[in-house]
């Protein structure tokens, strides 16, 4: 089976009140025969600069503290290393300072891409297909590790510093880049946008994208460069998107999602890939920790799975500063801040 790549999007996250970059995965995959699997948006990869690289001497780089404008990712060609075959060209990232000055820092290599007929920046992103609940399945890696970095799509023109039209509009051999508020879209039909899953086992997989995996590009925040989509893959050619939130969690909900300390309640948990013997645990909170028992699978279907469990919250006088708990089902699926202990 030859699996077309799912769409992946970098978008801005305003949870903190300020735009910042966060990778999230889109809603479409393709079947091996080229037909669309259950989907809503066009397939392809889109990278978005919500805030980008900046260096401020003697101050924190965190945008929410600086309250200052954002800057583009700009990559500039340096000298050619003819000792490599094919020859590669050094790449420098230009960092724009708040006083209007700038400086360059070595960021990697440009390499000529024969299939795309233009220069690519090496090591910009990695794709990996990882088994979540697919007995006998193995990790598979994408072959596309080089990218031409350009402005192709206006994503959020309200961000400060966003140009009205594409500034980096071609795969130049001297300068490439991505403007604030603009995205770089890669369609599924583009050469290299696939992972070969031939002879891999049926089951649930995460398709993960990691941007700048070797951290060569200077950014305000390197902790938001990864995202994934949860897939159900069945031979010969069916791919179904289970979770496109970017978290790849196999746990979708718990009901009820709270209980008083000193009580026992029955909960219902929904998700994907639940099997007999699955455990339920509560992590990350403080105070009386909920304890699950009598875990039973009540529905194991092609769509959502469902289990029930009895959850007991010990009685303690002190509730804890953070009585909100992550719910872990089995070895992988986690519903973040899914269950709250109340007084």
Protein backbone atom coordinates (compact mmCIF):
# COMPACT_ATOMS: atom_id res chain seq x y z
CA UNK A 1 0.00 0.00 0.00
CA UNK A 2 1.33 3.41 -0.96
CA UNK A 3 -0.13 5.95 1.47
CA UNK A 4 -0.49 9.58 0.43
CA UNK A 5 0.57 12.10 3.07
CA UNK A 6 -2.08 13.73 5.27
CA UNK A 7 -2.39 17.48 5.37
CA UNK A 8 -0.48 19.17 8.17
CA UNK A 9 -0.93 22.80 9.12
CA UNK A 10 0.97 25.21 11.28
CA UNK A 11 -1.38 27.76 12.77
CA UNK A 12 -1.43 30.43 15.41
CA UNK A 13 -2.54 29.74 18.97
CA UNK A 14 -4.18 32.60 20.85
CA UNK A 15 -4.69 30.80 24.15
CA UNK A 16 -2.22 33.11 25.83
CA UNK A 17 -3.67 36.20 24.19
CA UNK A 18 -0.76 36.44 21.74
CA UNK A 19 -0.25 34.81 18.39
CA UNK A 20 2.31 32.04 18.44
CA UNK A 21 3.12 29.15 16.18
CA UNK A 22 1.63 25.74 16.85
CA UNK A 23 1.59 22.81 14.42
CA UNK A 24 -1.77 21.14 13.97
CA UNK A 25 -2.80 18.49 11.50
CA UNK A 26 -5.45 18.95 8.85
CA UNK A 27 -8.37 16.71 8.00
CA UNK A 28 -7.56 14.76 4.89
CA UNK A 29 -5.70 11.68 3.82
CA UNK A 30 -5.79 9.84 0.51
CA UNK A 31 -6.17 6.18 -0.25
CA UNK A 32 -3.50 4.28 -2.11
CA UNK A 33 -5.57 4.35 -5.28
CA UNK A 34 -5.63 8.16 -5.15
CA UNK A 35 -9.25 8.46 -4.02
CA UNK A 36 -10.02 10.54 -0.96
CA UNK A 37 -10.50 8.82 2.35
CA UNK A 38 -12.99 10.30 4.84
CA UNK A 39 -11.93 13.92 4.76
CA UNK A 40 -12.90 17.58 4.57
CA UNK A 41 -9.93 19.62 3.36
CA UNK A 42 -7.45 19.41 0.51
CA UNK A 43 -4.54 17.09 1.14
CA UNK A 44 -1.08 18.50 1.51
CA UNK A 45 1.36 20.01 3.95
CA UNK A 46 1.15 23.60 5.08
CA UNK A 47 3.71 25.32 7.27
CA UNK A 48 2.67 28.61 8.86
CA UNK A 49 4.71 31.37 10.47
CA UNK A 50 2.62 32.77 13.30
CA UNK A 51 5.65 34.16 15.01
CA UNK A 52 9.10 33.46 13.83
CA UNK A 53 12.75 33.91 14.55
CA UNK A 54 14.13 36.87 16.41
CA UNK A 55 17.16 37.52 18.59
CA UNK A 56 17.06 40.27 21.24
CA UNK A 57 20.39 40.85 22.99
CA UNK A 58 20.19 40.58 26.76
CA UNK A 59 16.46 39.91 26.92
CA UNK A 60 14.05 36.97 26.92
CA UNK A 61 12.89 35.69 23.55
CA UNK A 62 9.39 34.84 24.75
CA UNK A 63 6.93 36.86 22.72
CA UNK A 64 4.34 37.36 25.46
CA UNK A 65 6.95 39.11 27.62
CA UNK A 66 8.44 41.28 24.89
CA UNK A 67 5.18 42.55 23.39
CA UNK A 68 7.09 43.30 20.17
CA UNK A 69 6.63 42.54 16.49
CA UNK A 70 7.43 39.25 14.83
CA UNK A 71 9.87 38.60 12.01
CA UNK A 72 10.05 36.24 9.03
CA UNK A 73 12.17 33.13 8.58
CA UNK A 74 14.78 34.18 6.00
CA UNK A 75 17.34 31.69 4.66
CA UNK A 76 20.30 32.88 2.57
CA UNK A 77 22.77 30.88 0.51
CA UNK A 78 26.45 30.87 1.39
CA UNK A 79 29.46 29.12 -0.12
CA UNK A 80 29.25 25.88 -2.12
CA UNK A 81 30.85 22.68 -0.83
CA UNK A 82 32.03 20.98 -4.03
CA UNK A 83 33.41 18.05 -2.06
CA UNK A 84 29.89 16.64 -1.71
CA UNK A 85 28.02 14.80 -4.47
CA UNK A 86 25.80 16.43 -5.45
CA UNK A 87 27.36 19.72 -4.32
CA UNK A 88 25.59 21.46 -1.44
CA UNK A 89 25.45 25.10 -0.51
CA UNK A 90 25.67 26.47 3.02
CA UNK A 91 22.53 28.17 4.34
CA UNK A 92 22.48 31.05 6.80
CA UNK A 93 19.45 32.29 8.72
CA UNK A 94 19.13 36.04 8.96
CA UNK A 95 18.00 37.15 12.42
CA UNK A 96 16.33 40.56 12.57
CA UNK A 97 16.89 42.60 15.72
CA UNK A 98 14.41 45.03 17.22
CA UNK A 99 16.68 48.01 16.48
CA UNK A 100 16.51 47.29 12.73
CA UNK A 101 19.89 45.60 12.47
CA UNK A 102 20.37 41.94 11.57
CA UNK A 103 22.90 39.12 11.68
CA UNK A 104 23.29 35.70 10.05
CA UNK A 105 23.85 32.29 11.62
CA UNK A 106 24.67 28.97 9.94
CA UNK A 107 21.44 26.95 9.65
CA UNK A 108 22.16 24.06 7.26
CA UNK A 109 22.39 23.33 3.52
CA UNK A 110 20.64 23.99 0.22
CA UNK A 111 20.59 21.04 -2.20
CA UNK A 112 19.37 20.81 -5.81
CA UNK A 113 16.22 18.64 -6.05
CA UNK A 114 16.04 16.91 -9.44
CA UNK A 115 12.33 15.95 -9.26
CA UNK A 116 11.16 19.41 -8.21
CA UNK A 117 13.73 21.22 -10.36
CA UNK A 118 14.72 23.79 -7.72
CA UNK A 119 16.82 24.20 -4.58
CA UNK A 120 15.64 22.71 -1.27
CA UNK A 121 16.58 23.36 2.33
CA UNK A 122 17.78 20.13 3.96
CA UNK A 123 16.42 18.77 7.23
CA UNK A 124 13.37 21.03 7.41
CA UNK A 125 10.87 18.35 8.45
CA UNK A 126 10.54 14.62 9.16
CA UNK A 127 7.47 12.41 8.69
CA UNK A 128 7.00 9.15 10.61
CA UNK A 129 4.15 6.63 10.75
CA UNK A 130 4.11 4.94 14.18
CA UNK A 131 1.91 2.01 15.34
CA UNK A 132 -0.39 2.87 18.26
CA UNK A 133 -2.58 -0.23 18.27
CA UNK A 134 -1.46 -2.27 15.29
CA UNK A 135 -0.07 -5.67 16.36
CA UNK A 136 2.85 -6.53 14.11
CA UNK A 137 3.06 -3.01 12.71
CA UNK A 138 6.34 -1.15 12.39
CA UNK A 139 7.49 2.45 12.09
CA UNK A 140 7.76 3.82 8.57
CA UNK A 141 9.51 7.04 7.60
CA UNK A 142 8.84 9.57 4.88
CA UNK A 143 11.49 10.19 2.25
CA UNK A 144 10.90 13.94 1.90
CA UNK A 145 13.48 15.62 4.10
CA UNK A 146 14.16 18.70 1.96
CA UNK A 147 11.83 21.63 1.32
CA UNK A 148 11.65 24.79 -0.72
CA UNK A 149 10.59 27.48 1.77
CA UNK A 150 8.26 30.10 0.22
CA UNK A 151 5.08 32.12 0.85
CA UNK A 152 2.27 30.26 -0.91
CA UNK A 153 -0.80 30.90 1.26
CA UNK A 154 -1.95 33.90 3.30
CA UNK A 155 -3.09 32.31 6.57
CA UNK A 156 -3.53 35.15 9.07
CA UNK A 157 -3.05 38.64 7.66
CA UNK A 158 -4.07 40.26 10.97
CA UNK A 159 -0.72 39.45 12.59
CA UNK A 160 1.63 42.45 12.96
CA UNK A 161 4.28 42.44 10.26
CA UNK A 162 2.24 40.37 7.79
CA UNK A 163 2.81 41.53 4.18
CA UNK A 164 -0.21 42.02 1.94
CA UNK A 165 1.30 39.85 -0.78
CA UNK A 166 3.85 37.04 -0.92
CA UNK A 167 7.34 38.36 -0.20
CA UNK A 168 9.19 35.06 -0.65
CA UNK A 169 7.53 33.97 -3.88
CA UNK A 170 10.03 31.61 -5.53
CA UNK A 171 12.43 28.78 -4.74
CA UNK A 172 15.44 31.04 -5.09
CA UNK A 173 19.00 29.77 -5.09
CA UNK A 174 20.15 32.71 -2.94
CA UNK A 175 17.20 33.56 -0.64
CA UNK A 176 14.19 31.56 0.56
CA UNK A 177 11.86 32.29 3.44
CA UNK A 178 8.41 32.52 4.98
CA UNK A 179 6.72 35.75 6.03
CA UNK A 180 4.80 36.33 9.23
CA UNK A 181 1.17 35.27 8.68
CA UNK A 182 1.95 33.25 5.54
CA UNK A 183 2.05 29.49 4.97
CA UNK A 184 3.92 27.10 2.71
CA UNK A 185 1.63 24.42 1.28
CA UNK A 186 2.73 21.02 -0.08
CA UNK A 187 0.12 19.05 -2.02
CA UNK A 188 -0.13 15.29 -1.68
CA UNK A 189 0.72 14.85 -5.37
CA UNK A 190 4.14 16.49 -4.96
CA UNK A 191 7.04 14.05 -5.24
CA UNK A 192 8.20 12.81 -1.83
CA UNK A 193 4.89 13.47 -0.04
CA UNK A 194 4.23 9.83 0.83
CA UNK A 195 5.05 7.05 3.25
CA UNK A 196 5.22 3.50 1.90
CA UNK A 197 3.16 1.28 4.20
CA UNK A 198 3.25 -1.83 2.01
CA UNK A 199 2.86 -5.06 4.02
CA UNK A 200 2.40 -3.16 7.28
CA UNK A 201 -0.23 -4.51 9.67
CA UNK A 202 -3.75 -3.12 9.84
CA UNK A 203 -4.50 -1.00 12.87
CA UNK A 204 -4.27 2.43 14.44
CA UNK A 205 -1.23 4.59 13.69
CA UNK A 206 -0.05 8.10 14.39
CA UNK A 207 1.30 10.07 11.43
CA UNK A 208 3.71 12.57 12.94
CA UNK A 209 5.47 15.58 11.49
CA UNK A 210 8.44 17.19 13.22
CA UNK A 211 9.58 20.58 11.93
CA UNK A 212 13.29 21.47 12.20
CA UNK A 213 14.06 18.16 13.97
CA UNK A 214 17.73 19.02 14.50
CA UNK A 215 16.88 22.54 15.75
CA UNK A 216 19.10 24.35 13.29
CA UNK A 217 16.66 27.26 12.91
CA UNK A 218 16.63 29.84 15.71
CA UNK A 219 13.12 30.33 17.06
CA UNK A 220 11.35 31.93 20.01
CA UNK A 221 9.94 28.54 20.96
CA UNK A 222 11.21 25.10 19.90
CA UNK A 223 8.54 23.23 21.85
CA UNK A 224 5.73 23.68 19.33
CA UNK A 225 7.30 22.07 16.26
CA UNK A 226 5.59 18.69 16.38
CA UNK A 227 2.11 17.49 15.55
CA UNK A 228 0.34 14.36 14.38
CA UNK A 229 -2.88 12.84 13.14
CA UNK A 230 -4.37 9.55 14.35
CA UNK A 231 -5.21 7.11 11.55
CA UNK A 232 -7.02 3.80 11.17
CA UNK A 233 -5.34 1.97 8.27
CA UNK A 234 -6.79 -1.13 6.65
CA UNK A 235 -5.54 -3.00 3.60
CA UNK A 236 -5.75 -2.77 0.72
CA UNK A 237 -6.22 1.01 0.63
CA UNK A 238 -8.45 2.49 3.34
CA UNK A 239 -7.20 5.26 5.62
CA UNK A 240 -9.60 6.84 8.12
CA UNK A 241 -8.78 9.94 10.18
CA UNK A 242 -9.62 9.36 13.85
CA UNK A 243 -8.12 12.45 15.51
CA UNK A 244 -6.91 15.57 13.73
CA UNK A 245 -6.45 17.73 16.83
CA UNK A 246 -2.67 17.37 16.72
CA UNK A 247 -2.43 15.38 19.96
CA UNK A 248 -2.96 11.87 18.54
CA UNK A 249 -4.73 10.81 21.72
CA UNK A 250 -6.59 7.51 21.62
CA UNK A 251 -8.83 8.75 24.46
CA UNK A 252 -11.57 11.16 23.42
CA UNK A 253 -13.85 11.63 26.45
CA UNK A 254 -14.74 10.56 29.99
CA UNK A 255 -18.22 10.93 31.50
CA UNK A 256 -18.83 12.08 34.14
CA UNK A 257 -15.62 14.13 34.15
CA UNK A 258 -15.68 15.02 37.85
CA UNK A 259 -16.53 13.54 41.23
CA UNK A 260 -16.41 14.52 44.89
CA UNK A 261 -13.63 13.35 47.17
CA UNK A 262 -14.67 10.39 49.29
CA UNK A 263 -17.06 9.01 46.65
CA UNK A 264 -17.15 6.26 44.02
CA UNK A 265 -18.66 6.81 40.57
CA UNK A 266 -19.01 4.76 37.41
CA UNK A 267 -17.42 6.45 34.40
CA UNK A 268 -17.66 5.78 30.67
CA UNK A 269 -14.55 6.39 28.57
CA UNK A 270 -14.56 6.56 24.77
CA UNK A 271 -11.63 6.29 22.42
CA UNK A 272 -9.84 4.05 19.93
CA UNK A 273 -8.02 0.75 20.16
CA UNK A 274 -9.29 -0.35 23.59
CA UNK A 275 -8.69 -4.05 24.27
CA UNK A 276 -9.46 -6.52 27.03
CA UNK A 277 -7.10 -5.97 29.96
CA UNK A 278 -6.81 -2.24 29.28
CA UNK A 279 -5.93 -0.26 32.41
CA UNK A 280 -7.14 3.18 33.49
CA UNK A 281 -4.93 5.47 35.55
CA UNK A 282 -5.02 9.10 36.70
CA UNK A 283 -1.87 11.22 36.50
CA UNK A 284 -0.56 14.74 36.88
CA UNK A 285 -2.89 16.17 39.54
CA UNK A 286 -2.45 16.69 43.26
CA UNK A 287 -4.48 15.80 46.33
CA UNK A 288 -6.57 12.61 46.52
CA UNK A 289 -5.77 10.54 43.43
CA UNK A 290 -8.70 8.77 41.72
CA UNK A 291 -8.33 4.99 41.48
CA UNK A 292 -10.04 2.95 38.73
CA UNK A 293 -11.27 -0.63 39.12
CA UNK A 294 -13.64 -3.05 37.38
CA UNK A 295 -12.58 -1.86 33.91
CA UNK A 296 -14.76 -3.47 31.23
CA UNK A 297 -14.89 -3.06 27.44
CA UNK A 298 -18.54 -2.57 26.48
CA UNK A 299 -18.07 -1.65 22.82
CA UNK A 300 -15.24 -2.49 20.44
CA UNK A 301 -16.23 -1.21 17.02
CA UNK A 302 -14.70 0.20 13.86
CA UNK A 303 -15.70 3.63 15.12
CA UNK A 304 -15.37 4.63 18.79
CA UNK A 305 -14.58 2.04 21.45
CA UNK A 306 -16.15 2.36 24.89
CA UNK A 307 -15.30 1.09 28.35
CA UNK A 308 -16.69 1.54 31.84
CA UNK A 309 -14.83 1.69 35.15
CA UNK A 310 -15.55 2.36 38.80
CA UNK A 311 -13.54 5.36 39.99
CA UNK A 312 -12.97 5.86 43.73
CA UNK A 313 -11.67 9.15 45.13
CA UNK A 314 -10.15 8.74 48.61
CA UNK A 315 -11.24 11.25 51.24
CA UNK A 316 -8.58 13.72 52.32
CA UNK A 317 -9.02 17.01 54.15
CA UNK A 318 -6.78 18.80 51.69
CA UNK A 319 -8.10 18.78 48.14
CA UNK A 320 -4.76 19.67 46.55
CA UNK A 321 -3.66 22.71 44.60
CA UNK A 322 -4.28 21.00 41.26
CA UNK A 323 -7.16 18.54 41.58
CA UNK A 324 -7.41 18.11 37.78
CA UNK A 325 -6.06 14.80 36.50
CA UNK A 326 -4.94 13.38 33.17
CA UNK A 327 -6.73 10.15 32.26
CA UNK A 328 -4.45 7.46 30.84
CA UNK A 329 -5.96 4.41 29.15
CA UNK A 330 -3.55 1.59 28.39
CA UNK A 331 0.05 2.44 27.61
CA UNK A 332 -0.46 5.33 25.21
CA UNK A 333 -3.76 7.21 25.19
CA UNK A 334 -4.00 10.24 27.48
CA UNK A 335 -6.91 12.68 27.88
CA UNK A 336 -5.20 15.78 29.25
CA UNK A 337 -6.91 17.40 32.27
CA UNK A 338 -9.82 15.06 31.75
CA UNK A 339 -11.06 14.46 35.33
CA UNK A 340 -11.55 16.86 38.25
CA UNK A 341 -11.88 16.03 41.97
CA UNK A 342 -14.28 18.40 43.73
CA UNK A 343 -14.73 19.19 47.47
